[in-house]
Amino acid sequence: MRRRRVVSWLAGWLLCCGLAAGVAAAQAPAVSQADRITALEKSTAENAIAIARAQSAGDNAWMLVSAALVLMMSGPGLALFYGGLVRKKNILGTMMQTFAMMAVVTVLWALVTYSLAFGSGNAFMGGLHNIFLHGVGLAPDPAYAPTIPLQTYMVYQLMFAIITPALITGAFAERMKFSAMLVFMILWTIVVYSPMAHMVWGVGGLLNAGAVGAGGLAGRFPCLDFAGGTVVHVTSGVSALVTAIFLGKRIGFPQKAFPPHSVVLSFVGACLLWVGWFGFNAGSALAANGLATSAFIATQFGAAAAAIGWSAAEWLRNGKPSALGGISGAVAGLVAITPASGFVTPMSALWIGLIAGGFCFLMVVKVKNIFGYDDSLDAFGVHGAGGTLGAILTGFFASSVINPIFGRGKAIGFFEGNHGQVLNQLIGVSIAWTISIAGTLIILFVVDQLIGLRVSEEDERAGLDLSQHGEEGYDWEGG
């Protein structure tokens, strides 16, 4: 009996265990499936966050590198390019003008000009909401660049603000006081550069192509300017011409030739400018994406075609191509492709570069001689003329396949059927010319009355290195 009870008890226990296991087995698939769905949803959300973070990190890295590339265009690129073109007694004075912009404009940008250019305001000028970089933090601003910190965008745009006034120095090389140059450039950055940058790129800007349909005057005349054809090159080039005429010619010009003292330095500087220009144009995509690739390729093709165009024109006229002509042509092509770089196909970039090379050659060799102005380093002939030409040609060649800025399926360029875009480009160029001429003339007059613009005849003959900085670029007698 006792044995039977033990066996019966064991059987009952095993039966209960089996039933419990069966119930657990029956319930397991339902619970497991729900858990799997929950886990899958969590994984998908985590992956989306990881992808967004990776994109933001990649875009931010590219933009920081682009900012450094654009700064390299000023120093050492432009400093070497301009420095080699002047006489050796002026090399340090010329380089110091560019270097000074790297310091002075940076401080000015932090204090007020970033706010004037990109702060919220009206259709013509930004407000004072972001003075002292108030509200400019590490969070992205979707109105400008949704995947990078606003501070990254701010410092990237700073590099444009640095090189733009530095380009003007090529027109008054060898004859302006350093002190006058500083005051002039500070006022010019506030009065000319900031409103032009706001009108083209700022939220609610009159010429902002991305603001079409925003209401009011925002985007009223959508001017296609991907990386600064009007904002940088037209303003600096036209202001350079005004300054050269206002200051007058160098002593001895044009009776005496003033050849470059070192084409080698200029050659190195031009190559640095070419490389840095990828940050200038491809960086203006504000992301490491396909548009950046397109702008990168257009930049290379435009520069190459222009170098060939200028050299070919020079070869036909003089019987041989020069190194100075080749690098000047490349810079002219880089200038002309700047507004178009994010809107045109590679073949269109070749056409723009080829046209720009020949056109800028004529402006430097023929037009300057006809009118007789002393644009010392051809800032107007290359940047003013090339920037104007490039901005207009952008209206012809822009393609919605590259950048559908007005919306999918909508034509953006003349050859696509948007014939009115050329008029918008002309309006943008006209505004840039007007504000540059008027603003520059007023500033020059004020500075000249306050402290005088030009060095004395004695100082000019001695050279800016000694007269303005008390040192020489070359020590020919040193041991």
Protein backbone atom coordinates (compact mmCIF):
# COMPACT_ATOMS: atom_id res chain seq x y z
CA MET A 1 0.00 0.00 0.00
CA ARG A 2 2.70 2.35 0.92
CA ARG A 3 4.52 1.56 -2.27
CA ARG A 4 1.37 2.25 -4.32
CA ARG A 5 0.86 5.57 -2.69
CA VAL A 6 4.45 6.62 -3.50
CA VAL A 7 4.03 5.56 -7.12
CA SER A 8 0.67 7.33 -7.36
CA TRP A 9 2.11 10.46 -5.85
CA LEU A 10 5.04 10.44 -8.28
CA ALA A 11 2.68 9.93 -11.19
CA GLY A 12 0.53 12.81 -10.06
CA TRP A 13 3.54 15.05 -9.66
CA LEU A 14 4.82 14.19 -13.12
CA LEU A 15 1.36 14.82 -14.58
CA CYS A 16 1.21 18.26 -12.95
CA CYS A 17 4.67 19.12 -14.24
CA GLY A 18 3.66 18.04 -17.71
CA LEU A 19 0.50 20.11 -17.65
CA ALA A 20 2.46 23.15 -16.41
CA ALA A 21 5.05 22.69 -19.13
CA GLY A 22 2.31 22.36 -21.71
CA VAL A 23 0.62 25.56 -20.58
CA ALA A 24 3.97 27.39 -20.60
CA ALA A 25 4.74 26.05 -24.04
CA ALA A 26 1.34 27.14 -25.28
CA GLN A 27 1.80 30.66 -23.91
CA ALA A 28 5.47 31.06 -24.94
CA PRO A 29 4.93 31.83 -28.67
CA ALA A 30 2.49 34.68 -27.91
CA VAL A 31 4.78 36.33 -25.37
CA SER A 32 7.88 35.80 -27.48
CA GLN A 33 6.25 37.27 -30.58
CA ALA A 34 5.15 40.40 -28.69
CA ASP A 35 8.64 40.76 -27.28
CA ARG A 36 10.12 40.36 -30.73
CA ILE A 37 7.87 43.09 -32.14
CA THR A 38 8.77 45.41 -29.26
CA ALA A 39 12.47 44.65 -29.67
CA LEU A 40 12.25 45.23 -33.42
CA GLU A 41 10.56 48.59 -32.96
CA LYS A 42 13.16 49.61 -30.40
CA SER A 43 15.97 48.50 -32.71
CA THR A 44 14.50 50.42 -35.64
CA ALA A 45 14.22 53.59 -33.56
CA GLU A 46 17.77 53.16 -32.29
CA ASN A 47 19.04 52.60 -35.83
CA ALA A 48 17.27 55.73 -37.05
CA ILE A 49 18.87 57.74 -34.25
CA ALA A 50 22.27 56.21 -35.01
CA ILE A 51 21.91 56.99 -38.72
CA ALA A 52 20.90 60.58 -38.00
CA ARG A 53 23.84 60.96 -35.62
CA ALA A 54 26.21 59.46 -38.19
CA GLN A 55 24.90 61.82 -40.87
CA SER A 56 25.24 64.79 -38.56
CA ALA A 57 28.76 63.73 -37.57
CA GLY A 58 29.77 63.23 -41.21
CA ASP A 59 28.26 66.52 -42.32
CA ASN A 60 29.84 68.37 -39.42
CA ALA A 61 33.26 66.89 -40.13
CA TRP A 62 33.03 67.88 -43.79
CA MET A 63 31.93 71.40 -42.92
CA LEU A 64 34.74 71.92 -40.42
CA VAL A 65 37.25 70.73 -43.03
CA SER A 66 35.62 73.02 -45.60
CA ALA A 67 35.92 75.96 -43.23
CA ALA A 68 39.62 75.24 -42.82
CA LEU A 69 40.03 74.96 -46.62
CA VAL A 70 38.39 78.35 -47.15
CA LEU A 71 40.61 79.91 -44.48
CA MET A 72 43.60 78.40 -46.30
CA MET A 73 42.49 80.35 -49.37
CA SER A 74 43.20 83.59 -47.49
CA GLY A 75 46.35 82.53 -45.70
CA PRO A 76 48.55 81.27 -47.20
CA GLY A 77 46.76 81.10 -50.59
CA LEU A 78 45.77 84.69 -51.38
CA ALA A 79 48.65 86.12 -49.35
CA LEU A 80 51.16 84.23 -51.50
CA PHE A 81 49.29 84.87 -54.75
CA TYR A 82 49.12 88.64 -54.20
CA GLY A 83 52.50 88.77 -52.48
CA GLY A 84 54.31 87.37 -55.49
CA LEU A 85 52.63 89.81 -57.87
CA VAL A 86 53.87 93.00 -56.19
CA ARG A 87 57.39 94.42 -56.10
CA LYS A 88 59.63 92.87 -53.47
CA LYS A 89 59.61 96.04 -51.34
CA ASN A 90 55.87 95.54 -50.80
CA ILE A 91 55.55 91.82 -50.19
CA LEU A 92 55.13 91.93 -46.41
CA GLY A 93 52.79 94.91 -46.58
CA THR A 94 50.64 93.06 -49.10
CA MET A 95 50.60 89.82 -47.13
CA MET A 96 49.84 91.67 -43.90
CA GLN A 97 46.69 93.11 -45.45
CA THR A 98 45.28 89.62 -45.96
CA PHE A 99 46.53 88.41 -42.59
CA ALA A 100 44.94 91.38 -40.86
CA MET A 101 41.56 90.38 -42.31
CA MET A 102 41.94 86.93 -40.76
CA ALA A 103 42.16 88.57 -37.34
CA VAL A 104 40.03 91.72 -37.57
CA VAL A 105 37.07 90.27 -39.47
CA THR A 106 36.93 87.31 -37.07
CA VAL A 107 36.43 89.59 -34.08
CA LEU A 108 34.01 91.81 -36.00
CA TRP A 109 32.02 88.73 -37.07
CA ALA A 110 31.64 87.58 -33.47
CA LEU A 111 30.58 91.02 -32.27
CA VAL A 112 28.07 92.13 -34.87
CA THR A 113 28.45 91.22 -38.56
CA TYR A 114 27.27 87.61 -38.28
CA SER A 115 24.05 88.95 -36.84
CA LEU A 116 23.74 91.56 -39.58
CA ALA A 117 24.28 88.92 -42.26
CA PHE A 118 22.33 85.93 -40.91
CA GLY A 119 20.21 87.17 -38.05
CA SER A 120 16.48 87.60 -38.50
CA GLY A 121 15.66 91.02 -39.89
CA ASN A 122 14.07 92.36 -43.05
CA ALA A 123 14.64 91.65 -46.73
CA PHE A 124 17.78 93.79 -46.84
CA MET A 125 19.63 93.37 -43.55
CA GLY A 126 19.71 91.06 -40.57
CA GLY A 127 18.91 92.33 -37.11
CA LEU A 128 20.89 92.56 -33.89
CA HIS A 129 19.40 89.47 -32.26
CA ASN A 130 22.66 87.51 -32.59
CA ILE A 131 25.22 90.16 -31.61
CA PHE A 132 28.05 88.73 -29.52
CA LEU A 133 26.86 85.38 -31.00
CA HIS A 134 23.84 85.40 -28.70
CA GLY A 135 21.72 82.35 -29.49
CA VAL A 136 24.38 80.84 -31.75
CA GLY A 137 24.92 77.47 -30.09
CA LEU A 138 25.64 73.84 -30.90
CA ALA A 139 22.08 72.95 -31.89
CA PRO A 140 21.34 73.03 -35.65
CA ASP A 141 19.20 75.76 -37.17
CA PRO A 142 16.96 74.11 -39.79
CA ALA A 143 16.57 77.45 -41.56
CA TYR A 144 20.24 77.26 -42.58
CA ALA A 145 21.66 73.75 -42.08
CA PRO A 146 19.59 71.07 -40.33
CA THR A 147 22.37 68.54 -39.73
CA ILE A 148 25.25 70.64 -38.40
CA PRO A 149 25.63 72.85 -35.31
CA LEU A 150 24.78 76.48 -35.90
CA GLN A 151 28.25 77.38 -34.66
CA THR A 152 29.73 75.28 -37.47
CA TYR A 153 27.63 77.19 -39.98
CA MET A 154 28.67 80.46 -38.36
CA VAL A 155 32.40 79.73 -38.54
CA TYR A 156 32.11 78.44 -42.10
CA GLN A 157 30.46 81.68 -43.22
CA LEU A 158 33.12 83.61 -41.31
CA MET A 159 35.77 82.33 -43.72
CA PHE A 160 33.86 83.89 -46.63
CA ALA A 161 33.66 87.18 -44.76
CA ILE A 162 37.45 87.09 -44.27
CA ILE A 163 38.52 86.51 -47.86
CA THR A 164 36.04 88.91 -49.47
CA PRO A 165 37.59 92.20 -48.26
CA ALA A 166 41.04 90.64 -48.63
CA LEU A 167 40.39 90.31 -52.37
CA ILE A 168 39.93 94.09 -52.63
CA THR A 169 43.50 94.69 -51.47
CA GLY A 170 44.76 93.58 -54.87
CA ALA A 171 43.41 96.76 -56.46
CA PHE A 172 45.13 99.25 -54.16
CA ALA A 173 48.32 97.24 -53.65
CA GLU A 174 51.49 99.23 -52.94
CA ARG A 175 49.83 102.56 -52.06
CA MET A 176 47.32 102.53 -49.16
CA LYS A 177 48.13 103.18 -45.52
CA PHE A 178 47.80 100.16 -43.30
CA SER A 179 45.75 102.13 -40.77
CA ALA A 180 43.41 103.42 -43.48
CA MET A 181 43.06 99.92 -44.87
CA LEU A 182 41.93 98.61 -41.47
CA VAL A 183 39.28 101.29 -40.98
CA PHE A 184 38.08 100.96 -44.57
CA MET A 185 37.73 97.17 -44.35
CA ILE A 186 35.87 97.25 -41.04
CA LEU A 187 33.33 99.71 -42.40
CA TRP A 188 33.11 97.89 -45.74
CA THR A 189 32.33 94.57 -44.07
CA ILE A 190 29.47 96.19 -42.17
CA VAL A 191 28.07 98.43 -44.92
CA VAL A 192 28.57 96.31 -48.07
CA TYR A 193 29.26 92.66 -47.26
CA SER A 194 26.73 92.08 -44.48
CA PRO A 195 23.62 93.33 -46.31
CA MET A 196 24.60 91.56 -49.52
CA ALA A 197 25.14 88.28 -47.69
CA HIS A 198 21.78 88.66 -45.97
CA MET A 199 19.91 89.46 -49.17
CA VAL A 200 21.28 86.39 -50.95
CA TRP A 201 21.64 83.81 -48.16
CA GLY A 202 19.88 85.17 -45.09
CA VAL A 203 16.41 84.08 -43.98
CA GLY A 204 13.89 86.37 -45.64
CA GLY A 205 16.51 87.92 -47.94
CA LEU A 206 15.34 89.79 -51.03
CA LEU A 207 17.47 87.65 -53.38
CA ASN A 208 17.30 84.36 -51.47
CA ALA A 209 16.32 81.69 -53.99
CA GLY A 210 15.39 79.33 -51.18
CA ALA A 211 12.85 81.81 -49.78
CA VAL A 212 10.52 81.82 -52.79
CA GLY A 213 6.93 81.71 -51.58
CA ALA A 214 7.79 82.82 -48.04
CA GLY A 215 5.74 85.97 -48.42
CA GLY A 216 6.56 89.66 -48.38
CA LEU A 217 9.82 90.65 -50.06
CA ALA A 218 11.56 87.39 -49.10
CA GLY A 219 12.85 85.77 -52.26
CA ARG A 220 11.19 88.44 -54.40
CA PHE A 221 14.01 88.19 -56.94
CA PRO A 222 15.46 84.69 -56.48
CA CYS A 223 19.10 84.99 -57.52
CA LEU A 224 20.98 81.71 -57.87
CA ASP A 225 24.27 82.12 -56.03
CA PHE A 226 25.48 78.83 -54.64
CA ALA A 227 28.78 79.92 -53.11
CA GLY A 228 29.27 83.66 -53.50
CA GLY A 229 29.40 84.94 -57.08
CA THR A 230 27.54 88.11 -56.15
CA VAL A 231 28.17 88.13 -52.39
CA VAL A 232 31.93 87.62 -52.60
CA HIS A 233 33.30 88.25 -56.08
CA VAL A 234 31.07 90.95 -57.53
CA THR A 235 31.13 93.03 -54.34
CA SER A 236 34.88 92.72 -53.85
CA GLY A 237 35.74 93.16 -57.53
CA VAL A 238 33.55 96.22 -58.10
CA SER A 239 34.69 97.77 -54.82
CA ALA A 240 38.26 97.10 -55.92
CA LEU A 241 37.72 99.07 -59.14
CA VAL A 242 36.16 101.98 -57.25
CA THR A 243 39.04 102.02 -54.76
CA ALA A 244 41.71 101.88 -57.48
CA ILE A 245 40.15 104.85 -59.29
CA PHE A 246 39.58 106.82 -56.07
CA LEU A 247 43.17 106.34 -54.88
CA GLY A 248 44.75 107.06 -58.22
CA LYS A 249 47.61 105.35 -59.97
CA ARG A 250 50.87 104.22 -58.45
CA ILE A 251 53.83 106.53 -58.96
CA GLY A 252 55.23 105.81 -62.41
CA PHE A 253 52.23 103.85 -63.72
CA PRO A 254 51.69 103.18 -66.62
CA GLN A 255 54.90 104.64 -68.03
CA LYS A 256 56.90 102.18 -65.97
CA ALA A 257 56.17 98.46 -65.90
CA PHE A 258 55.71 96.79 -62.52
CA PRO A 259 56.24 93.07 -63.18
CA PRO A 260 55.72 90.49 -60.41
CA HIS A 261 58.78 90.02 -58.28
CA SER A 262 58.11 86.27 -57.82
CA VAL A 263 55.78 84.33 -60.07
CA VAL A 264 56.87 81.27 -58.10
CA LEU A 265 55.16 82.55 -54.95
CA SER A 266 52.07 83.44 -56.95
CA PHE A 267 52.07 79.99 -58.56
CA VAL A 268 52.10 78.28 -55.16
CA GLY A 269 49.41 80.65 -53.92
CA ALA A 270 47.18 79.96 -56.94
CA CYS A 271 47.46 76.21 -56.44
CA LEU A 272 46.49 76.62 -52.78
CA LEU A 273 43.54 78.73 -53.88
CA TRP A 274 42.44 76.00 -56.30
CA VAL A 275 42.54 73.32 -53.61
CA GLY A 276 40.88 75.55 -51.03
CA TRP A 277 38.11 76.40 -53.47
CA PHE A 278 36.68 72.90 -53.05
CA GLY A 279 35.80 73.91 -49.50
CA PHE A 280 34.42 77.18 -50.84
CA ASN A 281 32.08 75.61 -53.40
CA ALA A 282 31.49 71.98 -52.41
CA GLY A 283 31.27 73.05 -48.77
CA SER A 284 28.37 75.33 -49.69
CA ALA A 285 26.21 72.21 -49.99
CA LEU A 286 26.35 72.33 -46.16
CA ALA A 287 26.41 68.53 -46.06
CA ALA A 288 28.53 65.61 -47.25
CA ASN A 289 26.07 64.61 -49.95
CA GLY A 290 25.58 64.29 -53.69
CA LEU A 291 25.21 68.04 -54.15
CA ALA A 292 28.64 68.52 -52.61
CA THR A 293 30.03 66.02 -55.11
CA SER A 294 28.40 67.88 -57.98
CA ALA A 295 29.79 71.22 -56.82
CA PHE A 296 33.23 69.66 -56.34
CA ILE A 297 33.29 68.36 -59.92
CA ALA A 298 31.95 71.61 -61.38
CA THR A 299 34.69 73.51 -59.53
CA GLN A 300 37.45 71.33 -60.96
CA PHE A 301 36.06 71.41 -64.49
CA GLY A 302 35.44 75.16 -64.49
CA ALA A 303 38.95 75.99 -63.27
CA ALA A 304 40.61 73.64 -65.75
CA ALA A 305 38.65 74.94 -68.74
CA ALA A 306 39.35 78.57 -67.81
CA ALA A 307 43.08 77.93 -67.44
CA ILE A 308 43.03 76.52 -70.97
CA GLY A 309 40.88 79.37 -72.28
CA TRP A 310 43.12 82.11 -70.87
CA SER A 311 46.31 80.34 -71.97
CA ALA A 312 44.97 79.78 -75.48
CA ALA A 313 44.02 83.44 -75.81
CA GLU A 314 47.45 84.49 -74.55
CA TRP A 315 49.17 82.03 -76.87
CA LEU A 316 47.32 83.47 -79.86
CA ARG A 317 48.11 87.06 -78.87
CA ASN A 318 51.70 86.77 -77.62
CA GLY A 319 52.95 83.66 -79.36
CA LYS A 320 53.48 81.74 -76.10
CA PRO A 321 51.52 80.91 -72.94
CA SER A 322 52.87 82.16 -69.61
CA ALA A 323 52.74 80.60 -66.17
CA LEU A 324 51.15 83.78 -64.83
CA GLY A 325 48.48 83.59 -67.50
CA GLY A 326 47.72 79.97 -66.69
CA ILE A 327 47.21 80.55 -62.99
CA SER A 328 45.26 83.76 -63.63
CA GLY A 329 42.94 81.81 -65.92
CA ALA A 330 42.42 79.12 -63.31
CA VAL A 331 41.45 81.71 -60.70
CA ALA A 332 39.10 83.37 -63.20
CA GLY A 333 37.41 80.02 -63.80
CA LEU A 334 37.09 79.38 -60.08
CA VAL A 335 35.47 82.79 -59.68
CA ALA A 336 33.01 82.28 -62.53
CA ILE A 337 31.95 78.78 -61.50
CA THR A 338 31.36 79.81 -57.87
CA PRO A 339 27.72 80.92 -58.21
CA ALA A 340 26.95 78.06 -60.60
CA SER A 341 28.79 75.22 -58.88
CA GLY A 342 25.74 73.77 -57.13
CA PHE A 343 23.41 74.20 -60.09
CA VAL A 344 25.15 73.06 -63.28
CA THR A 345 26.24 69.81 -64.93
CA PRO A 346 29.92 69.00 -65.54
CA MET A 347 29.62 69.87 -69.24
CA SER A 348 28.05 73.22 -68.43
CA ALA A 349 30.90 73.87 -65.99
CA LEU A 350 33.36 73.35 -68.83
CA TRP A 351 31.54 75.92 -70.95
CA ILE A 352 31.39 78.47 -68.13
CA GLY A 353 35.10 78.03 -67.42
CA LEU A 354 36.13 78.30 -71.06
CA ILE A 355 34.08 81.46 -71.60
CA ALA A 356 35.36 83.00 -68.36
CA GLY A 357 39.00 82.34 -69.24
CA GLY A 358 38.79 84.23 -72.52
CA PHE A 359 36.55 87.00 -71.14
CA CYS A 360 38.72 87.78 -68.11
CA PHE A 361 41.83 87.74 -70.31
CA LEU A 362 40.27 90.49 -72.44
CA MET A 363 39.27 92.46 -69.33
CA VAL A 364 42.82 92.38 -67.96
CA VAL A 365 44.75 92.83 -71.19
CA LYS A 366 42.48 95.05 -73.26
CA VAL A 367 39.81 96.82 -71.21
CA LYS A 368 42.15 97.91 -68.41
CA ASN A 369 44.53 99.44 -70.94
CA ILE A 370 41.70 101.20 -72.78
CA PHE A 371 40.38 102.91 -69.63
CA GLY A 372 43.79 103.28 -67.97
CA TYR A 373 42.81 102.51 -64.35
CA ASP A 374 45.50 101.05 -62.08
CA ASP A 375 43.93 97.86 -60.74
CA SER A 376 47.32 96.70 -59.48
CA LEU A 377 46.69 92.95 -59.27
CA ASP A 378 43.59 92.78 -61.50
CA ALA A 379 41.08 92.26 -58.70
CA PHE A 380 38.33 93.76 -60.85
CA GLY A 381 39.39 92.10 -64.10
CA VAL A 382 39.24 88.66 -62.48
CA HIS A 383 36.80 88.87 -59.57
CA GLY A 384 34.50 91.69 -60.59
CA ALA A 385 34.26 90.74 -64.25
CA GLY A 386 34.45 86.98 -63.66
CA GLY A 387 31.91 87.08 -60.84
CA THR A 388 29.47 89.12 -62.93
CA LEU A 389 29.83 86.81 -65.92
CA GLY A 390 29.49 83.69 -63.77
CA ALA A 391 26.35 84.97 -62.06
CA ILE A 392 24.68 85.68 -65.41
CA LEU A 393 25.74 82.38 -66.98
CA THR A 394 24.33 80.57 -63.94
CA GLY A 395 20.91 81.79 -65.01
CA PHE A 396 21.39 80.16 -68.40
CA PHE A 397 22.96 76.83 -67.42
CA ALA A 398 21.28 76.04 -64.07
CA SER A 399 19.64 72.61 -64.07
CA SER A 400 16.91 71.19 -61.84
CA VAL A 401 18.53 67.77 -62.29
CA ILE A 402 21.45 69.00 -60.18
CA ASN A 403 19.56 71.14 -57.69
CA PRO A 404 15.75 71.42 -57.80
CA ILE A 405 15.79 74.49 -55.58
CA PHE A 406 12.37 75.67 -56.76
CA GLY A 407 10.76 72.25 -56.28
CA ARG A 408 10.73 68.92 -58.10
CA GLY A 409 9.82 69.18 -61.77
CA LYS A 410 10.24 72.96 -61.91
CA ALA A 411 12.73 74.48 -64.35
CA ILE A 412 15.36 76.76 -62.87
CA GLY A 413 17.60 77.80 -65.78
CA PHE A 414 17.05 79.50 -69.14
CA PHE A 415 17.92 76.42 -71.16
CA GLU A 416 15.41 74.42 -69.13
CA GLY A 417 12.64 76.88 -69.95
CA ASN A 418 12.80 79.30 -67.01
CA HIS A 419 13.69 82.33 -69.12
CA GLY A 420 12.93 84.77 -66.32
CA GLN A 421 15.84 83.47 -64.25
CA VAL A 422 18.33 85.42 -66.32
CA LEU A 423 16.47 88.61 -65.37
CA ASN A 424 16.65 87.62 -61.69
CA GLN A 425 20.39 87.10 -62.06
CA LEU A 426 20.77 90.51 -63.67
CA ILE A 427 18.80 92.10 -60.83
CA GLY A 428 21.04 90.39 -58.26
CA VAL A 429 24.17 91.53 -60.09
CA SER A 430 22.82 95.08 -60.41
CA ILE A 431 22.09 95.27 -56.68
CA ALA A 432 25.60 93.99 -55.91
CA TRP A 433 27.15 96.58 -58.24
CA THR A 434 25.04 99.39 -56.80
CA ILE A 435 25.67 98.68 -53.14
CA SER A 436 29.39 98.13 -53.84
CA ILE A 437 29.85 101.38 -55.74
CA ALA A 438 27.79 103.54 -53.39
CA GLY A 439 29.00 101.97 -50.16
CA THR A 440 32.66 101.96 -51.18
CA LEU A 441 32.64 105.58 -52.37
CA ILE A 442 31.08 106.79 -49.13
CA ILE A 443 33.51 104.82 -46.96
CA LEU A 444 36.54 105.95 -48.97
CA PHE A 445 35.49 109.57 -48.70
CA VAL A 446 34.95 109.35 -44.93
CA VAL A 447 38.23 107.53 -44.23
CA ASP A 448 40.18 109.87 -46.49
CA GLN A 449 38.79 112.88 -44.64
CA LEU A 450 39.50 111.38 -41.23
CA ILE A 451 42.98 109.88 -41.56
CA GLY A 452 43.93 109.94 -45.24
CA LEU A 453 44.02 106.91 -47.49
CA ARG A 454 47.27 107.03 -49.39
CA VAL A 455 50.83 106.81 -48.18
CA SER A 456 53.15 109.72 -48.93
CA GLU A 457 55.24 109.72 -52.08
CA GLU A 458 58.33 109.09 -49.98
CA ASP A 459 56.75 106.10 -48.26
CA GLU A 460 55.48 104.69 -51.54
CA ARG A 461 58.94 104.85 -53.07
CA ALA A 462 60.45 103.21 -49.99
CA GLY A 463 57.84 100.46 -50.07
CA LEU A 464 55.10 99.40 -47.68
CA ASP A 465 57.32 96.90 -45.89
CA LEU A 466 59.56 99.57 -44.43
CA SER A 467 57.18 102.53 -44.33
CA GLN A 468 54.20 100.70 -42.78
CA HIS A 469 55.79 97.84 -40.84
CA GLY A 470 59.45 98.73 -40.31
CA GLU A 471 60.80 95.49 -41.78
CA GLU A 472 61.77 93.93 -45.07
CA GLY A 473 60.60 90.72 -46.68
CA TYR A 474 64.04 89.83 -47.98
CA ASP A 475 67.41 90.32 -46.33
CA TRP A 476 69.73 90.26 -49.33
CA GLU A 477 72.78 91.22 -47.28
CA GLY A 478 72.20 89.05 -44.22
CA GLY A 479 74.70 86.40 -43.31
